Amino acid sequence: EHVSFLNKASIVLTLENLPDNSYVIIDGENSEFI
């Protein structure tokens, strides 16, 4: 629901470690603030 700058490190690391050749969906449907 609330994604602050404090969450940036976690999200960046997750995106960097996604496997190659994968199919990824990033969904912000429930987010009130990013």
ModelCIF file with pLDDT and N, C-alpha, C, O atoms, coordinates in Angstrom:
data_MODEL
#
_entry.id   MODEL 
#
_entity.id                         1 
_entity.type                       polymer 
_entity.pdbx_number_of_molecules   1 
#
_entity_poly.entity_id                      1 
_entity_poly.type                           'polypeptide(L)' 
_entity_poly.nstd_linkage                   no 
_entity_poly.nstd_monomer                   no 
_entity_poly.pdbx_seq_one_letter_code       EHVSFLNKASIVLTLENLPDNSYVIIDGENSEFI 
_entity_poly.pdbx_seq_one_letter_code_can   EHVSFLNKASIVLTLENLPDNSYVIIDGENSEFI 
_entity_poly.pdbx_strand_id                 A 
#
loop_
_entity_poly_seq.entity_id 
_entity_poly_seq.num 
_entity_poly_seq.mon_id 
_entity_poly_seq.hetero 
1 1  GLU n 
1 2  HIS n 
1 3  VAL n 
1 4  SER n 
1 5  PHE n 
1 6  LEU n 
1 7  ASN n 
1 8  LYS n 
1 9  ALA n 
1 10 SER n 
1 11 ILE n 
1 12 VAL n 
1 13 LEU n 
1 14 THR n 
1 15 LEU n 
1 16 GLU n 
1 17 ASN n 
1 18 LEU n 
1 19 PRO n 
1 20 ASP n 
1 21 ASN n 
1 22 SER n 
1 23 TYR n 
1 24 VAL n 
1 25 ILE n 
1 26 ILE n 
1 27 ASP n 
1 28 GLY n 
1 29 GLU n 
1 30 ASN n 
1 31 SER n 
1 32 GLU n 
1 33 PHE n 
1 34 ILE n 
#
_struct_asym.id          A 
_struct_asym.entity_id   1 
#
loop_
_ma_qa_metric.id 
_ma_qa_metric.mode 
_ma_qa_metric.name 
_ma_qa_metric.software_group_id 
_ma_qa_metric.type 
1 global pLDDT . pLDDT 
2 local  pLDDT . pLDDT 
#
_ma_qa_metric_global.metric_id      1 
_ma_qa_metric_global.metric_value   84.65 
_ma_qa_metric_global.model_id       1 
_ma_qa_metric_global.ordinal_id     1 
#
loop_
_ma_qa_metric_local.label_asym_id 
_ma_qa_metric_local.label_comp_id 
_ma_qa_metric_local.label_seq_id 
_ma_qa_metric_local.metric_id 
_ma_qa_metric_local.metric_value 
_ma_qa_metric_local.model_id 
_ma_qa_metric_local.ordinal_id 
A GLU 1  2 79.00 1 1  
A HIS 2  2 77.00 1 2  
A VAL 3  2 82.00 1 3  
A SER 4  2 77.00 1 4  
A PHE 5  2 75.00 1 5  
A LEU 6  2 73.00 1 6  
A ASN 7  2 78.00 1 7  
A LYS 8  2 81.00 1 8  
A ALA 9  2 78.00 1 9  
A SER 10 2 79.00 1 10 
A ILE 11 2 85.00 1 11 
A VAL 12 2 85.00 1 12 
A LEU 13 2 84.00 1 13 
A THR 14 2 86.00 1 14 
A LEU 15 2 88.00 1 15 
A GLU 16 2 86.00 1 16 
A ASN 17 2 87.00 1 17 
A LEU 18 2 89.00 1 18 
A PRO 19 2 90.00 1 19 
A ASP 20 2 90.00 1 20 
A ASN 21 2 89.00 1 21 
A SER 22 2 90.00 1 22 
A TYR 23 2 91.00 1 23 
A VAL 24 2 92.00 1 24 
A ILE 25 2 91.00 1 25 
A ILE 26 2 92.00 1 26 
A ASP 27 2 90.00 1 27 
A GLY 28 2 89.00 1 28 
A GLU 29 2 87.00 1 29 
A ASN 30 2 83.00 1 30 
A SER 31 2 84.00 1 31 
A GLU 32 2 82.00 1 32 
A PHE 33 2 83.00 1 33 
A ILE 34 2 86.00 1 34 
#
loop_
_atom_site.group_PDB 
_atom_site.id 
_atom_site.type_symbol 
_atom_site.label_atom_id 
_atom_site.label_alt_id 
_atom_site.label_comp_id 
_atom_site.label_asym_id 
_atom_site.label_entity_id 
_atom_site.label_seq_id 
_atom_site.pdbx_PDB_ins_code 
_atom_site.Cartn_x 
_atom_site.Cartn_y 
_atom_site.Cartn_z 
_atom_site.occupancy 
_atom_site.B_iso_or_equiv 
_atom_site.pdbx_formal_charge 
_atom_site.auth_seq_id 
_atom_site.auth_comp_id 
_atom_site.auth_asym_id 
_atom_site.auth_atom_id 
_atom_site.pdbx_PDB_model_num 
ATOM 1   N N  . GLU A 1 1  ? 0.816  -1.213  0.000   1.00 79.00 ? 1  GLU A N  1 
ATOM 2   C CA . GLU A 1 1  ? 0.000  0.000   0.000   1.00 79.00 ? 1  GLU A CA 1 
ATOM 3   C C  . GLU A 1 1  ? 0.854  1.270   0.000   1.00 79.00 ? 1  GLU A C  1 
ATOM 4   O O  . GLU A 1 1  ? 0.525  2.250   -0.668  1.00 79.00 ? 1  GLU A O  1 
ATOM 5   N N  . HIS A 1 2  ? 1.952  1.239   0.756   1.00 77.00 ? 2  HIS A N  1 
ATOM 6   C CA . HIS A 1 2  ? 2.807  2.425   0.876   1.00 77.00 ? 2  HIS A CA 1 
ATOM 7   C C  . HIS A 1 2  ? 4.235  1.988   0.599   1.00 77.00 ? 2  HIS A C  1 
ATOM 8   O O  . HIS A 1 2  ? 4.810  1.211   1.361   1.00 77.00 ? 2  HIS A O  1 
ATOM 9   N N  . VAL A 1 3  ? 4.811  2.490   -0.498  1.00 82.00 ? 3  VAL A N  1 
ATOM 10  C CA . VAL A 1 3  ? 6.174  2.118   -0.877  1.00 82.00 ? 3  VAL A CA 1 
ATOM 11  C C  . VAL A 1 3  ? 7.028  3.384   -0.805  1.00 82.00 ? 3  VAL A C  1 
ATOM 12  O O  . VAL A 1 3  ? 6.909  4.269   -1.653  1.00 82.00 ? 3  VAL A O  1 
ATOM 13  N N  . SER A 1 4  ? 7.892  3.464   0.214   1.00 77.00 ? 4  SER A N  1 
ATOM 14  C CA . SER A 1 4  ? 8.694  4.669   0.432   1.00 77.00 ? 4  SER A CA 1 
ATOM 15  C C  . SER A 1 4  ? 10.101 4.474   -0.114  1.00 77.00 ? 4  SER A C  1 
ATOM 16  O O  . SER A 1 4  ? 10.454 3.393   -0.585  1.00 77.00 ? 4  SER A O  1 
ATOM 17  N N  . PHE A 1 5  ? 10.897 5.534   -0.044  1.00 75.00 ? 5  PHE A N  1 
ATOM 18  C CA . PHE A 1 5  ? 12.282 5.448   -0.527  1.00 75.00 ? 5  PHE A CA 1 
ATOM 19  C C  . PHE A 1 5  ? 13.087 4.431   0.274   1.00 75.00 ? 5  PHE A C  1 
ATOM 20  O O  . PHE A 1 5  ? 14.102 3.921   -0.201  1.00 75.00 ? 5  PHE A O  1 
ATOM 21  N N  . LEU A 1 6  ? 12.625 4.136   1.505   1.00 73.00 ? 6  LEU A N  1 
ATOM 22  C CA . LEU A 1 6  ? 13.316 3.130   2.310   1.00 73.00 ? 6  LEU A CA 1 
ATOM 23  C C  . LEU A 1 6  ? 13.211 1.749   1.678   1.00 73.00 ? 6  LEU A C  1 
ATOM 24  O O  . LEU A 1 6  ? 14.028 0.873   1.961   1.00 73.00 ? 6  LEU A O  1 
ATOM 25  N N  . ASN A 1 7  ? 12.209 1.550   0.824   1.00 78.00 ? 7  ASN A N  1 
ATOM 26  C CA . ASN A 1 7  ? 12.005 0.249   0.182   1.00 78.00 ? 7  ASN A CA 1 
ATOM 27  C C  . ASN A 1 7  ? 12.812 0.105   -1.111  1.00 78.00 ? 7  ASN A C  1 
ATOM 28  O O  . ASN A 1 7  ? 12.849 -0.976  -1.699  1.00 78.00 ? 7  ASN A O  1 
ATOM 29  N N  . LYS A 1 8  ? 13.450 1.177   -1.550  1.00 81.00 ? 8  LYS A N  1 
ATOM 30  C CA . LYS A 1 8  ? 14.119 1.153   -2.851  1.00 81.00 ? 8  LYS A CA 1 
ATOM 31  C C  . LYS A 1 8  ? 15.173 0.047   -2.924  1.00 81.00 ? 8  LYS A C  1 
ATOM 32  O O  . LYS A 1 8  ? 15.234 -0.689  -3.908  1.00 81.00 ? 8  LYS A O  1 
ATOM 33  N N  . ALA A 1 9  ? 15.996 -0.069  -1.892  1.00 78.00 ? 9  ALA A N  1 
ATOM 34  C CA . ALA A 1 9  ? 17.090 -1.045  -1.921  1.00 78.00 ? 9  ALA A CA 1 
ATOM 35  C C  . ALA A 1 9  ? 16.558 -2.458  -2.123  1.00 78.00 ? 9  ALA A C  1 
ATOM 36  O O  . ALA A 1 9  ? 17.098 -3.231  -2.915  1.00 78.00 ? 9  ALA A O  1 
ATOM 37  N N  . SER A 1 10 ? 15.488 -2.786  -1.393  1.00 79.00 ? 10 SER A N  1 
ATOM 38  C CA . SER A 1 10 ? 14.924 -4.131  -1.494  1.00 79.00 ? 10 SER A CA 1 
ATOM 39  C C  . SER A 1 10 ? 14.393 -4.408  -2.900  1.00 79.00 ? 10 SER A C  1 
ATOM 40  O O  . SER A 1 10 ? 14.636 -5.475  -3.464  1.00 79.00 ? 10 SER A O  1 
ATOM 41  N N  . ILE A 1 11 ? 13.660 -3.430  -3.463  1.00 85.00 ? 11 ILE A N  1 
ATOM 42  C CA . ILE A 1 11 ? 13.068 -3.623  -4.780  1.00 85.00 ? 11 ILE A CA 1 
ATOM 43  C C  . ILE A 1 11 ? 14.144 -3.720  -5.854  1.00 85.00 ? 11 ILE A C  1 
ATOM 44  O O  . ILE A 1 11 ? 14.054 -4.566  -6.743  1.00 85.00 ? 11 ILE A O  1 
ATOM 45  N N  . VAL A 1 12 ? 15.169 -2.858  -5.781  1.00 85.00 ? 12 VAL A N  1 
ATOM 46  C CA . VAL A 1 12 ? 16.252 -2.892  -6.766  1.00 85.00 ? 12 VAL A CA 1 
ATOM 47  C C  . VAL A 1 12 ? 16.970 -4.234  -6.744  1.00 85.00 ? 12 VAL A C  1 
ATOM 48  O O  . VAL A 1 12 ? 17.247 -4.813  -7.795  1.00 85.00 ? 12 VAL A O  1 
ATOM 49  N N  . LEU A 1 13 ? 17.273 -4.727  -5.545  1.00 84.00 ? 13 LEU A N  1 
ATOM 50  C CA . LEU A 1 13 ? 17.956 -6.014  -5.436  1.00 84.00 ? 13 LEU A CA 1 
ATOM 51  C C  . LEU A 1 13 ? 17.084 -7.149  -5.983  1.00 84.00 ? 13 LEU A C  1 
ATOM 52  O O  . LEU A 1 13 ? 17.593 -8.067  -6.626  1.00 84.00 ? 13 LEU A O  1 
ATOM 53  N N  . THR A 1 14 ? 15.790 -7.090  -5.734  1.00 86.00 ? 14 THR A N  1 
ATOM 54  C CA . THR A 1 14 ? 14.879 -8.116  -6.247  1.00 86.00 ? 14 THR A CA 1 
ATOM 55  C C  . THR A 1 14 ? 14.861 -8.105  -7.768  1.00 86.00 ? 14 THR A C  1 
ATOM 56  O O  . THR A 1 14 ? 14.922 -9.157  -8.404  1.00 86.00 ? 14 THR A O  1 
ATOM 57  N N  . LEU A 1 15 ? 14.777 -6.910  -8.347  1.00 88.00 ? 15 LEU A N  1 
ATOM 58  C CA . LEU A 1 15 ? 14.750 -6.808  -9.803  1.00 88.00 ? 15 LEU A CA 1 
ATOM 59  C C  . LEU A 1 15 ? 16.066 -7.273  -10.420 1.00 88.00 ? 15 LEU A C  1 
ATOM 60  O O  . LEU A 1 15 ? 16.075 -7.917  -11.469 1.00 88.00 ? 15 LEU A O  1 
ATOM 61  N N  . GLU A 1 16 ? 17.166 -6.947  -9.767  1.00 86.00 ? 16 GLU A N  1 
ATOM 62  C CA . GLU A 1 16 ? 18.477 -7.356  -10.291 1.00 86.00 ? 16 GLU A CA 1 
ATOM 63  C C  . GLU A 1 16 ? 18.651 -8.871  -10.275 1.00 86.00 ? 16 GLU A C  1 
ATOM 64  O O  . GLU A 1 16 ? 19.342 -9.438  -11.121 1.00 86.00 ? 16 GLU A O  1 
ATOM 65  N N  . ASN A 1 17 ? 18.011 -9.519  -9.295  1.00 87.00 ? 17 ASN A N  1 
ATOM 66  C CA . ASN A 1 17 ? 18.187 -10.964 -9.138  1.00 87.00 ? 17 ASN A CA 1 
ATOM 67  C C  . ASN A 1 17 ? 17.108 -11.793 -9.830  1.00 87.00 ? 17 ASN A C  1 
ATOM 68  O O  . ASN A 1 17 ? 17.072 -13.013 -9.666  1.00 87.00 ? 17 ASN A O  1 
ATOM 69  N N  . LEU A 1 18 ? 16.232 -11.154 -10.598 1.00 89.00 ? 18 LEU A N  1 
ATOM 70  C CA . LEU A 1 18 ? 15.244 -11.922 -11.365 1.00 89.00 ? 18 LEU A CA 1 
ATOM 71  C C  . LEU A 1 18 ? 15.964 -12.774 -12.413 1.00 89.00 ? 18 LEU A C  1 
ATOM 72  O O  . LEU A 1 18 ? 16.928 -12.310 -13.022 1.00 89.00 ? 18 LEU A O  1 
ATOM 73  N N  . PRO A 1 19 ? 15.522 -13.987 -12.627 1.00 90.00 ? 19 PRO A N  1 
ATOM 74  C CA . PRO A 1 19 ? 16.203 -14.845 -13.621 1.00 90.00 ? 19 PRO A CA 1 
ATOM 75  C C  . PRO A 1 19 ? 16.027 -14.309 -15.048 1.00 90.00 ? 19 PRO A C  1 
ATOM 76  O O  . PRO A 1 19 ? 14.987 -13.747 -15.392 1.00 90.00 ? 19 PRO A O  1 
ATOM 77  N N  . ASP A 1 20 ? 17.066 -14.495 -15.862 1.00 90.00 ? 20 ASP A N  1 
ATOM 78  C CA . ASP A 1 20 ? 16.961 -14.120 -17.278 1.00 90.00 ? 20 ASP A CA 1 
ATOM 79  C C  . ASP A 1 20 ? 15.877 -14.955 -17.957 1.00 90.00 ? 20 ASP A C  1 
ATOM 80  O O  . ASP A 1 20 ? 15.542 -16.047 -17.499 1.00 90.00 ? 20 ASP A O  1 
ATOM 81  N N  . ASN A 1 21 ? 15.345 -14.435 -19.034 1.00 89.00 ? 21 ASN A N  1 
ATOM 82  C CA . ASN A 1 21 ? 14.334 -15.123 -19.844 1.00 89.00 ? 21 ASN A CA 1 
ATOM 83  C C  . ASN A 1 21 ? 13.020 -15.349 -19.098 1.00 89.00 ? 21 ASN A C  1 
ATOM 84  O O  . ASN A 1 21 ? 12.248 -16.231 -19.471 1.00 89.00 ? 21 ASN A O  1 
ATOM 85  N N  . SER A 1 22 ? 12.759 -14.575 -18.063 1.00 90.00 ? 22 SER A N  1 
ATOM 86  C CA . SER A 1 22 ? 11.527 -14.776 -17.288 1.00 90.00 ? 22 SER A CA 1 
ATOM 87  C C  . SER A 1 22 ? 10.433 -13.820 -17.740 1.00 90.00 ? 22 SER A C  1 
ATOM 88  O O  . SER A 1 22 ? 10.664 -12.881 -18.501 1.00 90.00 ? 22 SER A O  1 
ATOM 89  N N  . TYR A 1 23 ? 9.233  -14.096 -17.241 1.00 91.00 ? 23 TYR A N  1 
ATOM 90  C CA . TYR A 1 23 ? 8.055  -13.281 -17.546 1.00 91.00 ? 23 TYR A CA 1 
ATOM 91  C C  . TYR A 1 23 ? 7.643  -12.634 -16.219 1.00 91.00 ? 23 TYR A C  1 
ATOM 92  O O  . TYR A 1 23 ? 7.266  -13.334 -15.280 1.00 91.00 ? 23 TYR A O  1 
ATOM 93  N N  . VAL A 1 24 ? 7.713  -11.300 -16.141 1.00 92.00 ? 24 VAL A N  1 
ATOM 94  C CA . VAL A 1 24 ? 7.541  -10.587 -14.867 1.00 92.00 ? 24 VAL A CA 1 
ATOM 95  C C  . VAL A 1 24 ? 6.384  -9.592  -14.967 1.00 92.00 ? 24 VAL A C  1 
ATOM 96  O O  . VAL A 1 24 ? 6.241  -8.873  -15.956 1.00 92.00 ? 24 VAL A O  1 
ATOM 97  N N  . ILE A 1 25 ? 5.561  -9.574  -13.909 1.00 91.00 ? 25 ILE A N  1 
ATOM 98  C CA . ILE A 1 25 ? 4.494  -8.574  -13.798 1.00 91.00 ? 25 ILE A CA 1 
ATOM 99  C C  . ILE A 1 25 ? 4.739  -7.763  -12.522 1.00 91.00 ? 25 ILE A C  1 
ATOM 100 O O  . ILE A 1 25 ? 4.865  -8.324  -11.433 1.00 91.00 ? 25 ILE A O  1 
ATOM 101 N N  . ILE A 1 26 ? 4.803  -6.437  -12.671 1.00 92.00 ? 26 ILE A N  1 
ATOM 102 C CA . ILE A 1 26 ? 4.879  -5.548  -11.499 1.00 92.00 ? 26 ILE A CA 1 
ATOM 103 C C  . ILE A 1 26 ? 3.513  -4.882  -11.361 1.00 92.00 ? 26 ILE A C  1 
ATOM 104 O O  . ILE A 1 26 ? 3.075  -4.150  -12.248 1.00 92.00 ? 26 ILE A O  1 
ATOM 105 N N  . ASP A 1 27 ? 2.854  -5.143  -10.247 1.00 90.00 ? 27 ASP A N  1 
ATOM 106 C CA . ASP A 1 27 ? 1.457  -4.718  -10.068 1.00 90.00 ? 27 ASP A CA 1 
ATOM 107 C C  . ASP A 1 27 ? 1.345  -3.733  -8.902  1.00 90.00 ? 27 ASP A C  1 
ATOM 108 O O  . ASP A 1 27 ? 1.648  -4.079  -7.760  1.00 90.00 ? 27 ASP A O  1 
ATOM 109 N N  . GLY A 1 28 ? 0.906  -2.503  -9.198  1.00 89.00 ? 28 GLY A N  1 
ATOM 110 C CA . GLY A 1 28 ? 0.725  -1.498  -8.150  1.00 89.00 ? 28 GLY A CA 1 
ATOM 111 C C  . GLY A 1 28 ? -0.731 -1.225  -7.837  1.00 89.00 ? 28 GLY A C  1 
ATOM 112 O O  . GLY A 1 28 ? -1.075 -0.133  -7.384  1.00 89.00 ? 28 GLY A O  1 
ATOM 113 N N  . GLU A 1 29 ? -1.595 -2.209  -8.073  1.00 87.00 ? 29 GLU A N  1 
ATOM 114 C CA . GLU A 1 29 ? -3.037 -2.025  -7.903  1.00 87.00 ? 29 GLU A CA 1 
ATOM 115 C C  . GLU A 1 29 ? -3.406 -1.577  -6.490  1.00 87.00 ? 29 GLU A C  1 
ATOM 116 O O  . GLU A 1 29 ? -4.293 -0.741  -6.317  1.00 87.00 ? 29 GLU A O  1 
ATOM 117 N N  . ASN A 1 30 ? -2.730 -2.129  -5.480  1.00 83.00 ? 30 ASN A N  1 
ATOM 118 C CA . ASN A 1 30 ? -3.078 -1.821  -4.083  1.00 83.00 ? 30 ASN A CA 1 
ATOM 119 C C  . ASN A 1 30 ? -2.288 -0.652  -3.505  1.00 83.00 ? 30 ASN A C  1 
ATOM 120 O O  . ASN A 1 30 ? -2.439 -0.322  -2.329  1.00 83.00 ? 30 ASN A O  1 
ATOM 121 N N  . SER A 1 31 ? -1.457 -0.031  -4.317  1.00 84.00 ? 31 SER A N  1 
ATOM 122 C CA . SER A 1 31 ? -0.572 1.015   -3.795  1.00 84.00 ? 31 SER A CA 1 
ATOM 123 C C  . SER A 1 31 ? -1.252 2.384   -3.822  1.00 84.00 ? 31 SER A C  1 
ATOM 124 O O  . SER A 1 31 ? -1.740 2.834   -4.858  1.00 84.00 ? 31 SER A O  1 
ATOM 125 N N  . GLU A 1 32 ? -1.271 3.031   -2.654  1.00 82.00 ? 32 GLU A N  1 
ATOM 126 C CA . GLU A 1 32 ? -1.776 4.397   -2.570  1.00 82.00 ? 32 GLU A CA 1 
ATOM 127 C C  . GLU A 1 32 ? -0.654 5.411   -2.804  1.00 82.00 ? 32 GLU A C  1 
ATOM 128 O O  . GLU A 1 32 ? -0.899 6.524   -3.269  1.00 82.00 ? 32 GLU A O  1 
ATOM 129 N N  . PHE A 1 33 ? 0.574  5.015   -2.477  1.00 83.00 ? 33 PHE A N  1 
ATOM 130 C CA . PHE A 1 33 ? 1.720  5.917   -2.659  1.00 83.00 ? 33 PHE A CA 1 
ATOM 131 C C  . PHE A 1 33 ? 2.946  5.106   -3.032  1.00 83.00 ? 33 PHE A C  1 
ATOM 132 O O  . PHE A 1 33 ? 3.276  4.114   -2.382  1.00 83.00 ? 33 PHE A O  1 
ATOM 133 N N  . ILE A 1 34 ? 3.620  5.549   -4.100  1.00 86.00 ? 34 ILE A N  1 
ATOM 134 C CA . ILE A 1 34 ? 4.895  4.949   -4.493  1.00 86.00 ? 34 ILE A CA 1 
ATOM 135 C C  . ILE A 1 34 ? 5.898  6.086   -4.631  1.00 86.00 ? 34 ILE A C  1 
ATOM 136 O O  . ILE A 1 34 ? 7.061  5.848   -4.957  1.00 86.00 ? 34 ILE A O  1 
#
